[in-house]
Amino acid sequence: MLTLQEIIVSIDNLPVNDQQYLFEVLRQKQEQLRTNIQENNFWSGLQKFRQTIEREGIVFTDEDFADLRDRSPGREVDL
């Protein structure tokens, strides 16, 4: 198996087009990894939330959310 230093040296020996292709592939892999981490964090958080709701016996109804919205038009507009 190559060491990191050997890999870096071998990249320097590649033609420019191959280097660009390699870096693009690595960038795509990194983006996929970020996306997977974010999805897994969201999913595990959602699962944990659902487990807590179930364990605590919490039940939500429409009445719980009835008056949450601020119905004011916002700040006043001076014309």
Protein backbone atom coordinates (compact mmCIF):
# COMPACT_ATOMS: atom_id res chain seq x y z
CA MET A 1 0.00 0.00 0.00
CA LEU A 2 1.24 3.49 -0.84
CA THR A 3 1.87 6.06 1.84
CA LEU A 4 0.20 9.44 1.64
CA GLN A 5 3.50 11.03 0.66
CA GLU A 6 3.97 8.52 -2.19
CA ILE A 7 0.46 9.25 -3.42
CA ILE A 8 1.14 12.99 -3.42
CA VAL A 9 4.37 12.51 -5.37
CA SER A 10 2.61 10.23 -7.88
CA ILE A 11 -0.10 12.88 -8.40
CA ASP A 12 2.60 15.42 -9.26
CA ASN A 13 3.78 13.03 -11.99
CA LEU A 14 0.35 12.81 -13.62
CA PRO A 15 -0.54 14.88 -16.69
CA VAL A 16 -2.55 18.01 -15.88
CA ASN A 17 -5.79 16.61 -17.37
CA ASP A 18 -5.52 13.50 -15.20
CA GLN A 19 -4.85 15.64 -12.13
CA GLN A 20 -7.92 17.74 -12.86
CA TYR A 21 -10.03 14.62 -13.33
CA LEU A 22 -8.73 13.13 -10.07
CA PHE A 23 -9.45 16.31 -8.13
CA GLU A 24 -12.97 16.50 -9.57
CA VAL A 25 -13.63 12.89 -8.54
CA LEU A 26 -12.31 13.64 -5.05
CA ARG A 27 -14.47 16.78 -4.82
CA GLN A 28 -17.57 14.76 -5.78
CA LYS A 29 -16.72 12.07 -3.22
CA GLN A 30 -16.30 14.73 -0.54
CA GLU A 31 -19.68 16.27 -1.44
CA GLN A 32 -21.35 12.84 -1.25
CA LEU A 33 -19.76 12.25 2.13
CA ARG A 34 -21.00 15.61 3.43
CA THR A 35 -24.50 14.91 2.14
CA ASN A 36 -24.55 11.44 3.73
CA ILE A 37 -23.35 12.81 7.07
CA GLN A 38 -26.02 15.52 7.03
CA GLU A 39 -28.75 13.04 6.10
CA ASN A 40 -27.62 10.58 8.76
CA ASN A 41 -27.52 13.31 11.40
CA PHE A 42 -31.00 14.44 10.45
CA TRP A 43 -32.37 10.91 10.34
CA SER A 44 -30.81 9.86 13.66
CA GLY A 45 -32.08 13.08 15.26
CA LEU A 46 -35.57 12.45 13.95
CA GLN A 47 -35.50 8.86 15.20
CA LYS A 48 -34.31 10.00 18.63
CA PHE A 49 -37.08 12.63 18.76
CA ARG A 50 -39.72 10.05 17.83
CA GLN A 51 -38.44 7.60 20.44
CA THR A 52 -38.57 10.29 23.13
CA ILE A 53 -42.12 11.28 22.16
CA GLU A 54 -43.21 7.65 22.26
CA ARG A 55 -41.41 6.86 25.53
CA GLU A 56 -42.84 9.94 27.27
CA GLY A 57 -46.33 9.26 25.93
CA ILE A 58 -46.58 12.73 24.39
CA VAL A 59 -49.48 13.25 22.02
CA PHE A 60 -49.80 16.28 19.73
CA THR A 61 -53.14 17.59 18.52
CA ASP A 62 -54.09 20.43 16.21
CA GLU A 63 -54.96 22.51 19.27
CA ASP A 64 -51.31 22.41 20.37
CA PHE A 65 -50.35 24.32 17.23
CA ALA A 66 -53.44 26.52 16.86
CA ASP A 67 -52.04 29.85 18.07
CA LEU A 68 -48.36 29.48 17.15
CA ARG A 69 -48.47 31.63 14.04
CA ASP A 70 -47.92 35.34 14.42
CA ARG A 71 -50.72 36.79 12.32
CA SER A 72 -49.51 40.37 12.53
CA PRO A 73 -48.49 41.96 9.22
CA GLY A 74 -45.01 42.65 10.56
CA ARG A 75 -43.39 46.02 10.98
CA GLU A 76 -45.28 49.12 10.06
CA VAL A 77 -44.56 50.70 6.71
CA ASP A 78 -44.14 54.47 6.55
CA LEU A 79 -44.97 55.80 3.08
